[in-house]
PDB file of N, CA and C in Angstrom:
ATOM      1  N   MET A   1       3.856 -12.821   1.281  1.00  0.00           N
ATOM      2  CA  MET A   1       2.795 -11.836   1.326  1.00  0.00           C
ATOM      3  C   MET A   1       1.524 -12.535   1.812  1.00  0.00           C
ATOM      4  N   THR A   2       0.841 -11.908   2.718  1.00  0.00           N
ATOM      5  CA  THR A   2      -0.335 -12.531   3.313  1.00  0.00           C
ATOM      6  C   THR A   2      -1.596 -12.232   2.511  1.00  0.00           C
ATOM      7  N   GLU A   3      -2.624 -13.021   2.775  1.00  0.00           N
ATOM      8  CA  GLU A   3      -3.915 -12.815   2.112  1.00  0.00           C
ATOM      9  C   GLU A   3      -4.486 -11.435   2.418  1.00  0.00           C
ATOM     10  N   SER A   4      -4.185 -10.908   3.604  1.00  0.00           N
ATOM     11  CA  SER A   4      -4.707  -9.585   3.965  1.00  0.00           C
ATOM     12  C   SER A   4      -4.160  -8.504   3.035  1.00  0.00           C
ATOM     13  N   VAL A   5      -2.937  -8.687   2.548  1.00  0.00           N
ATOM     14  CA  VAL A   5      -2.360  -7.718   1.605  1.00  0.00           C
ATOM     15  C   VAL A   5      -3.091  -7.801   0.268  1.00  0.00           C
ATOM     16  N   TYR A   6      -3.327  -9.015  -0.209  1.00  0.00           N
ATOM     17  CA  TYR A   6      -4.072  -9.175  -1.463  1.00  0.00           C
ATOM     18  C   TYR A   6      -5.464  -8.559  -1.341  1.00  0.00           C
ATOM     19  N   LYS A   7      -6.124  -8.805  -0.211  1.00  0.00           N
ATOM     20  CA  LYS A   7      -7.458  -8.244   0.010  1.00  0.00           C
ATOM     21  C   LYS A   7      -7.399  -6.723  -0.011  1.00  0.00           C
ATOM     22  N   ALA A   8      -6.398  -6.163   0.647  1.00  0.00           N
ATOM     23  CA  ALA A   8      -6.267  -4.704   0.703  1.00  0.00           C
ATOM     24  C   ALA A   8      -6.042  -4.114  -0.684  1.00  0.00           C
ATOM     25  N   LEU A   9      -5.243  -4.781  -1.493  1.00  0.00           N
ATOM     26  CA  LEU A   9      -4.912  -4.267  -2.820  1.00  0.00           C
ATOM     27  C   LEU A   9      -6.017  -4.519  -3.845  1.00  0.00           C
ATOM     28  N   ALA A  10      -6.977  -5.362  -3.511  1.00  0.00           N
ATOM     29  CA  ALA A  10      -8.030  -5.727  -4.457  1.00  0.00           C
ATOM     30  C   ALA A  10      -9.043  -4.609  -4.688  1.00  0.00           C
ATOM     31  N   ASP A  11      -9.071  -3.633  -3.814  1.00  0.00           N
ATOM     32  CA  ASP A  11     -10.083  -2.580  -3.900  1.00  0.00           C
ATOM     33  C   ASP A  11      -9.488  -1.288  -4.457  1.00  0.00           C
ATOM     34  N   VAL A  12     -10.152  -0.697  -5.436  1.00  0.00           N
ATOM     35  CA  VAL A  12      -9.647   0.508  -6.096  1.00  0.00           C
ATOM     36  C   VAL A  12      -9.538   1.686  -5.122  1.00  0.00           C
ATOM     37  N   THR A  13     -10.465   1.817  -4.199  1.00  0.00           N
ATOM     38  CA  THR A  13     -10.402   2.921  -3.235  1.00  0.00           C
ATOM     39  C   THR A  13      -9.166   2.790  -2.356  1.00  0.00           C
ATOM     40  N   ARG A  14      -8.875   1.577  -1.906  1.00  0.00           N
ATOM     41  CA  ARG A  14      -7.686   1.382  -1.064  1.00  0.00           C
ATOM     42  C   ARG A  14      -6.406   1.627  -1.858  1.00  0.00           C
ATOM     43  N   ARG A  15      -6.404   1.251  -3.124  1.00  0.00           N
ATOM     44  CA  ARG A  15      -5.223   1.538  -3.953  1.00  0.00           C
ATOM     45  C   ARG A  15      -5.054   3.046  -4.129  1.00  0.00           C
ATOM     46  N   ARG A  16      -6.157   3.768  -4.271  1.00  0.00           N
ATOM     47  CA  ARG A  16      -6.080   5.241  -4.384  1.00  0.00           C
ATOM     48  C   ARG A  16      -5.541   5.852  -3.096  1.00  0.00           C
ATOM     49  N   ILE A  17      -5.966   5.326  -1.962  1.00  0.00           N
ATOM     50  CA  ILE A  17      -5.453   5.818  -0.677  1.00  0.00           C
ATOM     51  C   ILE A  17      -3.950   5.579  -0.597  1.00  0.00           C
ATOM     52  N   LEU A  18      -3.501   4.386  -0.970  1.00  0.00           N
ATOM     53  CA  LEU A  18      -2.065   4.085  -0.940  1.00  0.00           C
ATOM     54  C   LEU A  18      -1.291   5.016  -1.872  1.00  0.00           C
ATOM     55  N   LYS A  19      -1.853   5.280  -3.046  1.00  0.00           N
ATOM     56  CA  LYS A  19      -1.192   6.183  -3.997  1.00  0.00           C
ATOM     57  C   LYS A  19      -1.047   7.579  -3.398  1.00  0.00           C
ATOM     58  N   MET A  20      -2.104   8.053  -2.743  1.00  0.00           N
ATOM     59  CA  MET A  20      -2.048   9.374  -2.107  1.00  0.00           C
ATOM     60  C   MET A  20      -0.987   9.398  -1.009  1.00  0.00           C
ATOM     61  N   LEU A  21      -0.941   8.343  -0.207  1.00  0.00           N
ATOM     62  CA  LEU A  21       0.031   8.293   0.885  1.00  0.00           C
ATOM     63  C   LEU A  21       1.455   8.112   0.366  1.00  0.00           C
ATOM     64  N   GLY A  22       1.589   7.667  -0.875  1.00  0.00           N
ATOM     65  CA  GLY A  22       2.909   7.570  -1.493  1.00  0.00           C
ATOM     66  C   GLY A  22       3.551   8.938  -1.670  1.00  0.00           C
ATOM     67  N   GLU A  23       2.724   9.982  -1.665  1.00  0.00           N
ATOM     68  CA  GLU A  23       3.233  11.350  -1.789  1.00  0.00           C
ATOM     69  C   GLU A  23       3.588  11.945  -0.437  1.00  0.00           C
ATOM     70  N   GLY A  24       3.221  11.240   0.636  1.00  0.00           N
ATOM     71  CA  GLY A  24       3.548  11.712   1.979  1.00  0.00           C
ATOM     72  C   GLY A  24       2.397  11.485   2.937  1.00  0.00           C
ATOM     73  N   PRO A  25       2.672  11.579   4.231  1.00  0.00           N
ATOM     74  CA  PRO A  25       1.626  11.373   5.239  1.00  0.00           C
ATOM     75  C   PRO A  25       0.478  12.366   5.062  1.00  0.00           C
ATOM     76  N   MET A  26      -0.730  11.906   5.381  1.00  0.00           N
ATOM     77  CA  MET A  26      -1.921  12.749   5.277  1.00  0.00           C
ATOM     78  C   MET A  26      -2.839  12.457   6.450  1.00  0.00           C
ATOM     79  N   SER A  27      -3.573  13.475   6.862  1.00  0.00           N
ATOM     80  CA  SER A  27      -4.554  13.271   7.927  1.00  0.00           C
ATOM     81  C   SER A  27      -5.775  12.566   7.351  1.00  0.00           C
ATOM     82  N   ALA A  28      -6.540  11.959   8.240  1.00  0.00           N
ATOM     83  CA  ALA A  28      -7.771  11.293   7.812  1.00  0.00           C
ATOM     84  C   ALA A  28      -8.701  12.290   7.127  1.00  0.00           C
ATOM     85  N   GLY A  29      -8.750  13.505   7.640  1.00  0.00           N
ATOM     86  CA  GLY A  29      -9.593  14.539   7.043  1.00  0.00           C
ATOM     87  C   GLY A  29      -9.161  14.906   5.635  1.00  0.00           C
ATOM     88  N   GLU A  30      -7.847  15.020   5.414  1.00  0.00           N
ATOM     89  CA  GLU A  30      -7.330  15.340   4.079  1.00  0.00           C
ATOM     90  C   GLU A  30      -7.681  14.235   3.090  1.00  0.00           C
ATOM     91  N   ILE A  31      -7.563  13.000   3.532  1.00  0.00           N
ATOM     92  CA  ILE A  31      -7.897  11.872   2.661  1.00  0.00           C
ATOM     93  C   ILE A  31      -9.395  11.862   2.381  1.00  0.00           C
ATOM     94  N   ALA A  32     -10.191  12.090   3.416  1.00  0.00           N
ATOM     95  CA  ALA A  32     -11.654  12.064   3.275  1.00  0.00           C
ATOM     96  C   ALA A  32     -12.143  13.098   2.267  1.00  0.00           C
ATOM     97  N   GLU A  33     -11.460  14.248   2.182  1.00  0.00           N
ATOM     98  CA  GLU A  33     -11.850  15.296   1.236  1.00  0.00           C
ATOM     99  C   GLU A  33     -11.790  14.819  -0.212  1.00  0.00           C
ATOM    100  N   LYS A  34     -10.976  13.818  -0.489  1.00  0.00           N
ATOM    101  CA  LYS A  34     -10.779  13.336  -1.860  1.00  0.00           C
ATOM    102  C   LYS A  34     -11.810  12.286  -2.277  1.00  0.00           C
ATOM    103  N   PHE A  35     -12.606  11.813  -1.323  1.00  0.00           N
ATOM    104  CA  PHE A  35     -13.550  10.737  -1.597  1.00  0.00           C
ATOM    105  C   PHE A  35     -14.967  11.166  -1.232  1.00  0.00           C
ATOM    106  N   HIS A  36     -15.924  10.653  -1.962  1.00  0.00           N
ATOM    107  CA  HIS A  36     -17.334  10.902  -1.660  1.00  0.00           C
ATOM    108  C   HIS A  36     -17.896   9.655  -0.985  1.00  0.00           C
ATOM    109  N   LEU A  37     -17.368   9.366   0.201  1.00  0.00           N
ATOM    110  CA  LEU A  37     -17.767   8.178   0.948  1.00  0.00           C
ATOM    111  C   LEU A  37     -18.151   8.563   2.364  1.00  0.00           C
ATOM    112  N   ALA A  38     -19.005   7.757   2.967  1.00  0.00           N
ATOM    113  CA  ALA A  38     -19.338   7.958   4.374  1.00  0.00           C
ATOM    114  C   ALA A  38     -18.083   7.722   5.215  1.00  0.00           C
ATOM    115  N   LYS A  39     -17.985   8.427   6.330  1.00  0.00           N
ATOM    116  CA  LYS A  39     -16.823   8.259   7.209  1.00  0.00           C
ATOM    117  C   LYS A  39     -16.662   6.815   7.648  1.00  0.00           C
ATOM    118  N   SER A  40     -17.773   6.135   7.887  1.00  0.00           N
ATOM    119  CA  SER A  40     -17.693   4.736   8.318  1.00  0.00           C
ATOM    120  C   SER A  40     -17.116   3.849   7.219  1.00  0.00           C
ATOM    121  N   THR A  41     -17.448   4.146   5.962  1.00  0.00           N
ATOM    122  CA  THR A  41     -16.910   3.383   4.833  1.00  0.00           C
ATOM    123  C   THR A  41     -15.415   3.613   4.710  1.00  0.00           C
ATOM    124  N   LEU A  42     -15.000   4.863   4.804  1.00  0.00           N
ATOM    125  CA  LEU A  42     -13.581   5.186   4.722  1.00  0.00           C
ATOM    126  C   LEU A  42     -12.822   4.563   5.892  1.00  0.00           C
ATOM    127  N   SER A  43     -13.417   4.593   7.061  1.00  0.00           N
ATOM    128  CA  SER A  43     -12.811   3.972   8.234  1.00  0.00           C
ATOM    129  C   SER A  43     -12.603   2.478   8.004  1.00  0.00           C
ATOM    130  N   GLY A  44     -13.557   1.843   7.355  1.00  0.00           N
ATOM    131  CA  GLY A  44     -13.419   0.424   7.019  1.00  0.00           C
ATOM    132  C   GLY A  44     -12.235   0.176   6.104  1.00  0.00           C
ATOM    133  N   HIS A  45     -12.035   1.069   5.131  1.00  0.00           N
ATOM    134  CA  HIS A  45     -10.882   0.942   4.235  1.00  0.00           C
ATOM    135  C   HIS A  45      -9.573   1.103   5.016  1.00  0.00           C
ATOM    136  N   PHE A  46      -9.531   2.076   5.917  1.00  0.00           N
ATOM    137  CA  PHE A  46      -8.334   2.255   6.742  1.00  0.00           C
ATOM    138  C   PHE A  46      -8.062   1.002   7.575  1.00  0.00           C
ATOM    139  N   ASN A  47      -9.106   0.404   8.116  1.00  0.00           N
ATOM    140  CA  ASN A  47      -8.936  -0.794   8.940  1.00  0.00           C
ATOM    141  C   ASN A  47      -8.364  -1.960   8.139  1.00  0.00           C
ATOM    142  N   VAL A  48      -8.821  -2.127   6.900  1.00  0.00           N
ATOM    143  CA  VAL A  48      -8.294  -3.193   6.044  1.00  0.00           C
ATOM    144  C   VAL A  48      -6.820  -2.929   5.734  1.00  0.00           C
ATOM    145  N   LEU A  49      -6.476  -1.683   5.421  1.00  0.00           N
ATOM    146  CA  LEU A  49      -5.080  -1.336   5.124  1.00  0.00           C
ATOM    147  C   LEU A  49      -4.190  -1.515   6.353  1.00  0.00           C
ATOM    148  N   LYS A  50      -4.708  -1.172   7.531  1.00  0.00           N
ATOM    149  CA  LYS A  50      -3.935  -1.369   8.767  1.00  0.00           C
ATOM    150  C   LYS A  50      -3.773  -2.853   9.074  1.00  0.00           C
ATOM    151  N   ALA A  51      -4.813  -3.644   8.855  1.00  0.00           N
ATOM    152  CA  ALA A  51      -4.740  -5.089   9.108  1.00  0.00           C
ATOM    153  C   ALA A  51      -3.687  -5.743   8.219  1.00  0.00           C
ATOM    154  N   ALA A  52      -3.525  -5.213   7.009  1.00  0.00           N
ATOM    155  CA  ALA A  52      -2.504  -5.714   6.084  1.00  0.00           C
ATOM    156  C   ALA A  52      -1.136  -5.119   6.392  1.00  0.00           C
ATOM    157  N   ASN A  53      -1.091  -4.203   7.352  1.00  0.00           N
ATOM    158  CA  ASN A  53       0.144  -3.538   7.770  1.00  0.00           C
ATOM    159  C   ASN A  53       0.730  -2.656   6.663  1.00  0.00           C
ATOM    160  N   LEU A  54      -0.117  -2.230   5.718  1.00  0.00           N
ATOM    161  CA  LEU A  54       0.353  -1.378   4.627  1.00  0.00           C
ATOM    162  C   LEU A  54       0.428   0.089   5.025  1.00  0.00           C
ATOM    163  N   ILE A  55      -0.345   0.474   6.042  1.00  0.00           N
ATOM    164  CA  ILE A  55      -0.297   1.853   6.523  1.00  0.00           C
ATOM    165  C   ILE A  55      -0.123   1.870   8.035  1.00  0.00           C
ATOM    166  N   GLN A  56       0.347   3.008   8.504  1.00  0.00           N
ATOM    167  CA  GLN A  56       0.512   3.246   9.936  1.00  0.00           C
ATOM    168  C   GLN A  56      -0.284   4.489  10.279  1.00  0.00           C
ATOM    169  N   GLU A  57      -0.742   4.561  11.521  1.00  0.00           N
ATOM    170  CA  GLU A  57      -1.446   5.768  11.948  1.00  0.00           C
ATOM    171  C   GLU A  57      -0.762   6.349  13.168  1.00  0.00           C
ATOM    172  N   GLU A  58      -0.826   7.670  13.238  1.00  0.00           N
ATOM    173  CA  GLU A  58      -0.284   8.392  14.388  1.00  0.00           C
ATOM    174  C   GLU A  58      -1.350   9.386  14.835  1.00  0.00           C
ATOM    175  N   ARG A  59      -1.648   9.354  16.115  1.00  0.00           N
ATOM    176  CA  ARG A  59      -2.658  10.266  16.667  1.00  0.00           C
ATOM    177  C   ARG A  59      -1.969  11.419  17.379  1.00  0.00           C
ATOM    178  N   THR A  60      -2.402  12.621  17.047  1.00  0.00           N
ATOM    179  CA  THR A  60      -1.959  13.827  17.739  1.00  0.00           C
ATOM    180  C   THR A  60      -3.230  14.562  18.145  1.00  0.00           C
ATOM    181  N   GLY A  61      -3.580  14.441  19.396  1.00  0.00           N
ATOM    182  CA  GLY A  61      -4.854  15.008  19.842  1.00  0.00           C
ATOM    183  C   GLY A  61      -5.992  14.291  19.159  1.00  0.00           C
ATOM    184  N   THR A  62      -6.797  15.039  18.421  1.00  0.00           N
ATOM    185  CA  THR A  62      -7.930  14.435  17.712  1.00  0.00           C
ATOM    186  C   THR A  62      -7.619  14.151  16.248  1.00  0.00           C
ATOM    187  N   VAL A  63      -6.405  14.471  15.813  1.00  0.00           N
ATOM    188  CA  VAL A  63      -6.026  14.285  14.406  1.00  0.00           C
ATOM    189  C   VAL A  63      -5.312  12.945  14.234  1.00  0.00           C
ATOM    190  N   ILE A  64      -5.780  12.167  13.259  1.00  0.00           N
ATOM    191  CA  ILE A  64      -5.125  10.906  12.908  1.00  0.00           C
ATOM    192  C   ILE A  64      -4.404  11.126  11.586  1.00  0.00           C
ATOM    193  N   THR A  65      -3.109  10.853  11.581  1.00  0.00           N
ATOM    194  CA  THR A  65      -2.307  10.984  10.368  1.00  0.00           C
ATOM    195  C   THR A  65      -1.878   9.594   9.919  1.00  0.00           C
ATOM    196  N   TYR A  66      -2.066   9.328   8.631  1.00  0.00           N
ATOM    197  CA  TYR A  66      -1.708   8.033   8.058  1.00  0.00           C
ATOM    198  C   TYR A  66      -0.470   8.178   7.186  1.00  0.00           C
ATOM    199  N   SER A  67       0.337   7.124   7.167  1.00  0.00           N
ATOM    200  CA  SER A  67       1.511   7.077   6.294  1.00  0.00           C
ATOM    201  C   SER A  67       1.698   5.645   5.816  1.00  0.00           C
ATOM    202  N   LEU A  68       2.431   5.502   4.714  1.00  0.00           N
ATOM    203  CA  LEU A  68       2.740   4.169   4.206  1.00  0.00           C
ATOM    204  C   LEU A  68       3.719   3.481   5.140  1.00  0.00           C
ATOM    205  N   ASN A  69       3.556   2.188   5.300  1.00  0.00           N
ATOM    206  CA  ASN A  69       4.540   1.368   5.992  1.00  0.00           C
ATOM    207  C   ASN A  69       5.483   0.876   4.891  1.00  0.00           C
ATOM    208  N   LEU A  70       6.530   1.634   4.643  1.00  0.00           N
ATOM    209  CA  LEU A  70       7.375   1.405   3.469  1.00  0.00           C
ATOM    210  C   LEU A  70       8.001   0.022   3.430  1.00  0.00           C
ATOM    211  N   SER A  71       8.391  -0.524   4.571  1.00  0.00           N
ATOM    212  CA  SER A  71       9.022  -1.845   4.552  1.00  0.00           C
ATOM    213  C   SER A  71       8.036  -2.903   4.052  1.00  0.00           C
ATOM    214  N   VAL A  72       6.781  -2.819   4.453  1.00  0.00           N
ATOM    215  CA  VAL A  72       5.783  -3.787   3.990  1.00  0.00           C
ATOM    216  C   VAL A  72       5.455  -3.548   2.519  1.00  0.00           C
ATOM    217  N   VAL A  73       5.381  -2.296   2.101  1.00  0.00           N
ATOM    218  CA  VAL A  73       5.126  -1.992   0.690  1.00  0.00           C
ATOM    219  C   VAL A  73       6.255  -2.557  -0.172  1.00  0.00           C
ATOM    220  N   GLU A  74       7.500  -2.387   0.258  1.00  0.00           N
ATOM    221  CA  GLU A  74       8.639  -2.922  -0.497  1.00  0.00           C
ATOM    222  C   GLU A  74       8.601  -4.443  -0.549  1.00  0.00           C
ATOM    223  N   GLU A  75       8.284  -5.091   0.574  1.00  0.00           N
ATOM    224  CA  GLU A  75       8.167  -6.554   0.598  1.00  0.00           C
ATOM    225  C   GLU A  75       7.060  -7.019  -0.339  1.00  0.00           C
ATOM    226  N   THR A  76       5.960  -6.288  -0.372  1.00  0.00           N
ATOM    227  CA  THR A  76       4.832  -6.627  -1.233  1.00  0.00           C
ATOM    228  C   THR A  76       5.229  -6.531  -2.701  1.00  0.00           C
ATOM    229  N   LEU A  77       5.910  -5.454  -3.059  1.00  0.00           N
ATOM    230  CA  LEU A  77       6.361  -5.292  -4.447  1.00  0.00           C
ATOM    231  C   LEU A  77       7.314  -6.406  -4.849  1.00  0.00           C
ATOM    232  N   ALA A  78       8.237  -6.749  -3.967  1.00  0.00           N
ATOM    233  CA  ALA A  78       9.188  -7.825  -4.253  1.00  0.00           C
ATOM    234  C   ALA A  78       8.460  -9.156  -4.422  1.00  0.00           C
ATOM    235  N   ALA A  79       7.473  -9.419  -3.577  1.00  0.00           N
ATOM    236  CA  ALA A  79       6.719 -10.672  -3.667  1.00  0.00           C
ATOM    237  C   ALA A  79       5.926 -10.748  -4.967  1.00  0.00           C
ATOM    238  N   ILE A  80       5.336  -9.634  -5.381  1.00  0.00           N
ATOM    239  CA  ILE A  80       4.580  -9.616  -6.637  1.00  0.00           C
ATOM    240  C   ILE A  80       5.524  -9.819  -7.817  1.00  0.00           C
ATOM    241  N   MET A  81       6.680  -9.181  -7.782  1.00  0.00           N
ATOM    242  CA  MET A  81       7.652  -9.354  -8.865  1.00  0.00           C
ATOM    243  C   MET A  81       8.110 -10.810  -8.947  1.00  0.00           C
ATOM    244  N   GLU A  82       8.334 -11.425  -7.796  1.00  0.00           N
ATOM    245  CA  GLU A  82       8.744 -12.829  -7.780  1.00  0.00           C
ATOM    246  C   GLU A  82       7.617 -13.720  -8.293  1.00  0.00           C
ATOM    247  N   LEU A  83       6.400 -13.441  -7.864  1.00  0.00           N
ATOM    248  CA  LEU A  83       5.240 -14.214  -8.295  1.00  0.00           C
ATOM    249  C   LEU A  83       5.091 -14.180  -9.812  1.00  0.00           C
ATOM    250  N   LEU A  84       5.293 -13.012 -10.395  1.00  0.00           N
ATOM    251  CA  LEU A  84       5.129 -12.832 -11.840  1.00  0.00           C
ATOM    252  C   LEU A  84       6.413 -13.081 -12.619  1.00  0.00           C
ATOM    253  N   LYS A  85       7.467 -13.428 -11.904  1.00  0.00           N
ATOM    254  CA  LYS A  85       8.780 -13.689 -12.509  1.00  0.00           C
ATOM    255  C   LYS A  85       9.324 -12.469 -13.245  1.00  0.00           C
ATOM    256  N   VAL A  86       8.950 -11.284 -12.770  1.00  0.00           N
ATOM    257  CA  VAL A  86       9.449 -10.043 -13.357  1.00  0.00           C
ATOM    258  C   VAL A  86      10.931  -9.942 -13.056  1.00  0.00           C
ATOM    259  N   GLY A  87      11.708  -9.679 -14.075  1.00  0.00           N
ATOM    260  CA  GLY A  87      13.145  -9.538 -13.896  1.00  0.00           C
ATOM    261  C   GLY A  87      13.899 -10.843 -14.063  1.00  0.00           C
ATOM    262  N   GLU A  88      13.218 -11.984 -14.069  1.00  0.00           N
ATOM    263  CA  GLU A  88      13.898 -13.271 -14.204  1.00  0.00           C
ATOM    264  C   GLU A  88      14.586 -13.385 -15.559  1.00  0.00           C
ATOM    265  N   LYS A  89      13.917 -12.964 -16.635  1.00  0.00           N
ATOM    266  CA  LYS A  89      14.519 -13.037 -17.965  1.00  0.00           C
ATOM    267  C   LYS A  89      15.740 -12.132 -18.028  1.00  0.00           C
ATOM    268  N   ASN A  90      15.629 -10.930 -17.471  1.00  0.00           N
ATOM    269  CA  ASN A  90      16.752 -10.000 -17.483  1.00  0.00           C
ATOM    270  C   ASN A  90      17.932 -10.551 -16.699  1.00  0.00           C
ATOM    271  N   LYS A  91      17.686 -11.181 -15.552  1.00  0.00           N
ATOM    272  CA  LYS A  91      18.762 -11.778 -14.763  1.00  0.00           C
ATOM    273  C   LYS A  91      19.458 -12.865 -15.559  1.00  0.00           C
ATOM    274  N   LYS A  92      18.659 -13.717 -16.239  1.00  0.00           N
ATOM    275  CA  LYS A  92      19.221 -14.809 -17.022  1.00  0.00           C
ATOM    276  C   LYS A  92      20.045 -14.255 -18.175  1.00  0.00           C
ATOM    277  N   ASP A  93      19.549 -13.226 -18.861  1.00  0.00           N
ATOM    278  CA  ASP A  93      20.277 -12.623 -19.974  1.00  0.00           C
ATOM    279  C   ASP A  93      21.625 -12.087 -19.516  1.00  0.00           C
ATOM    280  N   VAL A  94      21.674 -11.437 -18.377  1.00  0.00           N
ATOM    281  CA  VAL A  94      22.920 -10.876 -17.855  1.00  0.00           C
ATOM    282  C   VAL A  94      23.883 -11.996 -17.496  1.00  0.00           C
ATOM    283  N   GLN A  95      23.373 -13.075 -16.899  1.00  0.00           N
ATOM    284  CA  GLN A  95      24.223 -14.191 -16.502  1.00  0.00           C
ATOM    285  C   GLN A  95      24.772 -14.929 -17.712  1.00  0.00           C
ATOM    286  N   ASP A  96      24.014 -14.977 -18.810  1.00  0.00           N
ATOM    287  CA  ASP A  96      24.419 -15.716 -20.000  1.00  0.00           C
ATOM    288  C   ASP A  96      25.400 -14.950 -20.884  1.00  0.00           C
ATOM    289  N   LYS A  97      25.524 -13.637 -20.700  1.00  0.00           N
ATOM    290  CA  LYS A  97      26.418 -12.841 -21.538  1.00  0.00           C
ATOM    291  C   LYS A  97      27.868 -13.126 -21.165  1.00  0.00           C
ATOM    292  N   PRO A  98      28.721 -13.298 -22.182  1.00  0.00           N
ATOM    293  CA  PRO A  98      30.146 -13.500 -21.881  1.00  0.00           C
ATOM    294  C   PRO A  98      30.767 -12.217 -21.343  1.00  0.00           C
ATOM    295  N   SER A  99      31.725 -12.360 -20.478  1.00  0.00           N
ATOM    296  CA  SER A  99      32.386 -11.193 -19.873  1.00  0.00           C
ATOM    297  C   SER A  99      33.400 -10.601 -20.798  1.00  0.00           C
TER     298      SER A  99
END
């Protein structure tokens, strides 16, 4: 996992955006309606999330639709679980049990 992912996840607004996109793709306008931020500020958050490759954008005319980049999100979750050794005790317990 790269530093850009950690940076992206460090901000509560970006985590809220990711949570919203977890429910499905949304247009920039739909996302903006949920926040009381200047468009330039929200655009900055989108840029950080795109730099971390956590979201993808698709343009249709003047509408920008964002969606989660699921493969990167899954890799990120796996890396965090490994970092925190989540599941290691359970794996060891299963391996130690007699058949």
